Amino acid sequence: MAQGNKFQDLEETAEALVAFINSGQLEQLSRVKDEHKALFDQHVETKKIVTQILKDVAQVEESAGQRLLDMEEEKKHREMELGSLEEQLKKCTAKSQITESELQFLQREFESLRTAEHELQNLQNEVDEDTTEVIPSAVYVSQVYYLITKIKWEYNTQPGVLKGVHYGADLATPINIDTSVRSRSDVSDQLWGFVSTEW
């Protein structure tokens, strides 16, 4: 709008100049010339200022554009880092879940082993009690049988085979009976045959 006024002023000055030339008034013509020169100088100065302003605006725009590009690049970089961190988080979460499952499994196994150990301890206590009560009585019974029969048995024999030694008054007689080929009554009769009827 200011430039429009200047062009209008220039146009008016030109019209005045033509009128003065026609009137032949040199003094007024010289004054108009000076005004025209001042107007032209002002126009040149304004042009310099506007040009400088436009250059400054262009530099600001270029700087802002570069900063915007840098920010976009930084944003992409941050997004890539975020994606990488999310991937690592997923892997760690999956690993944590696997570890948690393994831990639960090991805890169940531990509880199972603890229960088994407790049962074994109870069984050991029962065996100890039975051993304390039964073995001495079994030893006593076997001693009574030996005193009556004078037969000492071998216990490390094959199944179905009776082995031992009968210690008679004069000699020791070995015993080797295969119970799989003889009846129980025959075996019993043979063994009772070793027992002395003299008391």
Protein backbone atom coordinates (compact mmCIF):
# COMPACT_ATOMS: atom_id res chain seq x y z
CA MET A 1 0.00 0.00 0.00
CA ALA A 2 2.95 2.30 0.79
CA GLN A 3 4.41 1.51 -2.64
CA GLY A 4 1.04 2.39 -4.23
CA ASN A 5 1.20 5.81 -2.58
CA LYS A 6 4.76 6.28 -3.81
CA PHE A 7 3.79 5.43 -7.38
CA GLN A 8 0.87 7.84 -7.12
CA ASP A 9 3.25 10.51 -5.78
CA LEU A 10 5.61 9.77 -8.66
CA GLU A 11 2.77 10.06 -11.14
CA GLU A 12 1.65 13.36 -9.63
CA THR A 13 5.24 14.61 -9.68
CA ALA A 14 5.55 13.67 -13.37
CA GLU A 15 2.31 15.51 -14.17
CA ALA A 16 3.53 18.54 -12.27
CA LEU A 17 6.84 18.32 -14.13
CA VAL A 18 5.08 18.29 -17.49
CA ALA A 19 2.94 21.29 -16.43
CA PHE A 20 5.99 23.20 -15.31
CA ILE A 21 7.85 22.40 -18.50
CA ASN A 22 4.91 23.72 -20.44
CA SER A 23 4.71 26.83 -18.30
CA GLY A 24 8.40 27.42 -18.72
CA GLN A 25 9.05 28.15 -15.02
CA LEU A 26 12.61 26.99 -14.46
CA GLU A 27 12.69 27.71 -10.80
CA GLN A 28 9.70 25.50 -10.12
CA LEU A 29 11.11 22.93 -12.52
CA SER A 30 14.35 22.87 -10.55
CA ARG A 31 12.38 22.38 -7.30
CA VAL A 32 10.36 19.56 -8.85
CA LYS A 33 13.56 18.01 -10.06
CA ASP A 34 14.99 18.10 -6.54
CA GLU A 35 11.78 16.58 -5.14
CA HIS A 36 11.90 13.91 -7.83
CA LYS A 37 15.54 13.14 -6.96
CA ALA A 38 14.68 12.94 -3.24
CA LEU A 39 11.77 10.63 -4.05
CA PHE A 40 14.03 8.46 -6.19
CA ASP A 41 16.67 8.29 -3.43
CA GLN A 42 13.97 7.31 -0.96
CA HIS A 43 12.76 4.64 -3.38
CA VAL A 44 16.30 3.21 -3.70
CA GLU A 45 16.75 3.19 0.07
CA THR A 46 13.38 1.48 0.56
CA LYS A 47 14.33 -1.09 -2.07
CA LYS A 48 17.58 -1.81 -0.19
CA ILE A 49 15.69 -2.22 3.09
CA VAL A 50 13.05 -4.49 1.52
CA THR A 51 15.76 -6.56 -0.19
CA GLN A 52 17.61 -6.96 3.12
CA ILE A 53 14.36 -7.90 4.88
CA LEU A 54 13.65 -10.51 2.18
CA LYS A 55 17.18 -11.92 2.55
CA ASP A 56 16.77 -12.08 6.34
CA VAL A 57 13.40 -13.82 5.96
CA ALA A 58 14.94 -16.30 3.49
CA GLN A 59 17.76 -17.07 5.95
CA VAL A 60 15.27 -17.51 8.80
CA GLU A 61 13.16 -19.82 6.63
CA GLU A 62 16.25 -21.80 5.58
CA SER A 63 17.40 -22.10 9.20
CA ALA A 64 13.90 -23.11 10.33
CA GLY A 65 13.68 -25.64 7.48
CA GLN A 66 17.06 -27.13 8.43
CA ARG A 67 16.01 -27.35 12.07
CA LEU A 68 12.78 -29.02 11.00
CA LEU A 69 14.74 -31.57 8.93
CA ASP A 70 17.08 -32.19 11.87
CA MET A 71 14.10 -32.66 14.17
CA GLU A 72 12.49 -35.11 11.71
CA GLU A 73 15.76 -37.06 11.54
CA GLU A 74 16.00 -37.07 15.34
CA LYS A 75 12.37 -38.20 15.55
CA LYS A 76 13.08 -41.13 13.18
CA HIS A 77 16.15 -42.04 15.21
CA ARG A 78 14.14 -41.93 18.46
CA GLU A 79 11.35 -44.03 16.88
CA MET A 80 13.92 -46.65 15.83
CA GLU A 81 15.39 -46.68 19.35
CA LEU A 82 11.89 -46.98 20.81
CA GLY A 83 11.11 -49.89 18.46
CA SER A 84 14.35 -51.60 19.47
CA LEU A 85 13.58 -51.10 23.17
CA GLU A 86 10.06 -52.46 22.68
CA GLU A 87 11.50 -55.54 20.96
CA GLN A 88 13.97 -56.04 23.80
CA LEU A 89 11.13 -55.60 26.31
CA LYS A 90 9.08 -58.28 24.50
CA LYS A 91 12.06 -60.67 24.55
CA CYS A 92 12.74 -59.96 28.23
CA THR A 93 9.05 -60.42 29.06
CA ALA A 94 8.96 -63.76 27.21
CA LYS A 95 12.18 -64.85 28.92
CA SER A 96 10.78 -63.75 32.28
CA GLN A 97 7.62 -65.80 31.67
CA ILE A 98 9.71 -68.85 30.73
CA THR A 99 11.88 -68.35 33.81
CA GLU A 100 8.76 -67.96 35.96
CA SER A 101 7.33 -71.21 34.53
CA GLU A 102 10.64 -73.00 35.13
CA LEU A 103 10.76 -71.62 38.68
CA GLN A 104 7.21 -72.84 39.36
CA PHE A 105 8.09 -76.25 37.91
CA LEU A 106 11.22 -76.45 40.10
CA GLN A 107 9.22 -75.39 43.16
CA ARG A 108 6.69 -78.18 42.46
CA GLU A 109 9.56 -80.65 41.99
CA PHE A 110 11.13 -79.43 45.23
CA GLU A 111 7.83 -79.86 47.10
CA SER A 112 7.44 -83.32 45.57
CA LEU A 113 10.97 -84.26 46.66
CA ARG A 114 10.34 -82.83 50.12
CA THR A 115 7.13 -84.90 50.38
CA ALA A 116 8.98 -88.00 49.13
CA GLU A 117 11.77 -87.37 51.65
CA HIS A 118 9.21 -87.00 54.42
CA GLU A 119 7.53 -90.26 53.36
CA LEU A 120 10.92 -91.99 53.21
CA GLN A 121 11.75 -90.68 56.67
CA ASN A 122 8.44 -92.01 57.99
CA LEU A 123 9.08 -95.34 56.28
CA GLN A 124 12.62 -95.43 57.71
CA ASN A 125 11.20 -94.74 61.17
CA GLU A 126 8.68 -97.58 60.71
CA VAL A 127 11.45 -99.91 59.46
CA ASP A 128 13.62 -98.92 62.42
CA GLU A 129 10.74 -99.66 64.79
CA ASP A 130 10.00 -102.97 63.05
CA THR A 131 13.69 -103.86 63.04
CA THR A 132 13.95 -103.04 66.71
CA GLU A 133 10.96 -105.22 67.50
CA VAL A 134 10.96 -107.93 64.80
CA ILE A 135 14.62 -108.78 64.23
CA PRO A 136 15.41 -109.56 67.85
CA SER A 137 12.30 -111.74 68.01
CA ALA A 138 13.26 -113.40 64.69
CA VAL A 139 16.77 -114.00 66.04
CA TYR A 140 15.29 -115.48 69.18
CA VAL A 141 12.97 -117.77 67.19
CA SER A 142 15.82 -118.91 64.92
CA GLN A 143 17.93 -119.66 68.01
CA VAL A 144 15.08 -121.69 69.48
CA TYR A 145 14.74 -123.62 66.17
CA TYR A 146 18.48 -124.30 66.14
CA LEU A 147 18.43 -125.55 69.72
CA ILE A 148 15.60 -127.90 68.80
CA THR A 149 16.65 -129.01 65.32
CA LYS A 150 20.44 -128.45 65.40
CA ILE A 151 20.12 -127.18 61.79
CA LYS A 152 22.03 -124.05 60.70
CA TRP A 153 20.55 -122.63 57.49
CA GLU A 154 22.25 -120.78 54.62
CA TYR A 155 20.16 -117.79 53.67
CA ASN A 156 21.94 -116.76 50.43
CA THR A 157 20.52 -119.55 48.26
CA GLN A 158 18.48 -119.64 45.07
CA PRO A 159 14.68 -119.58 45.41
CA GLY A 160 13.26 -123.09 45.91
CA VAL A 161 16.51 -124.51 47.33
CA LEU A 162 17.03 -125.27 51.04
CA LYS A 163 20.66 -125.44 52.13
CA GLY A 164 22.13 -125.85 55.55
CA VAL A 165 23.97 -128.22 57.91
CA HIS A 166 22.53 -130.49 60.60
CA TYR A 167 24.89 -130.82 63.54
CA GLY A 168 24.12 -134.21 65.01
CA ALA A 169 25.66 -135.81 68.07
CA ASP A 170 28.42 -137.54 66.14
CA LEU A 171 28.64 -135.86 62.72
CA ALA A 172 27.47 -132.86 60.64
CA THR A 173 25.16 -133.63 57.71
CA PRO A 174 24.79 -131.19 54.82
CA ILE A 175 21.26 -130.40 53.64
CA ASN A 176 20.49 -129.54 49.98
CA ILE A 177 16.82 -129.92 49.04
CA ASP A 178 15.19 -128.71 45.79
CA THR A 179 11.65 -127.87 46.88
CA SER A 180 10.48 -127.40 43.27
CA VAL A 181 10.66 -131.17 42.55
CA ARG A 182 9.48 -132.51 45.93
CA SER A 183 6.23 -132.06 47.80
CA ARG A 184 6.03 -130.05 50.98
CA SER A 185 5.20 -133.09 53.05
CA ASP A 186 8.31 -134.94 51.76
CA VAL A 187 10.48 -131.94 52.60
CA SER A 188 8.91 -131.69 56.04
CA ASP A 189 9.35 -135.39 56.73
CA GLN A 190 13.02 -135.29 55.69
CA LEU A 191 13.72 -132.31 57.94
CA TRP A 192 11.89 -133.82 60.93
CA GLY A 193 14.01 -136.91 60.37
CA PHE A 194 17.05 -134.91 61.56
CA VAL A 195 15.44 -133.92 64.84
CA SER A 196 16.34 -136.13 67.80
CA THR A 197 13.42 -137.44 69.80
CA GLU A 198 15.55 -137.87 72.90
CA TRP A 199 15.15 -135.00 75.34
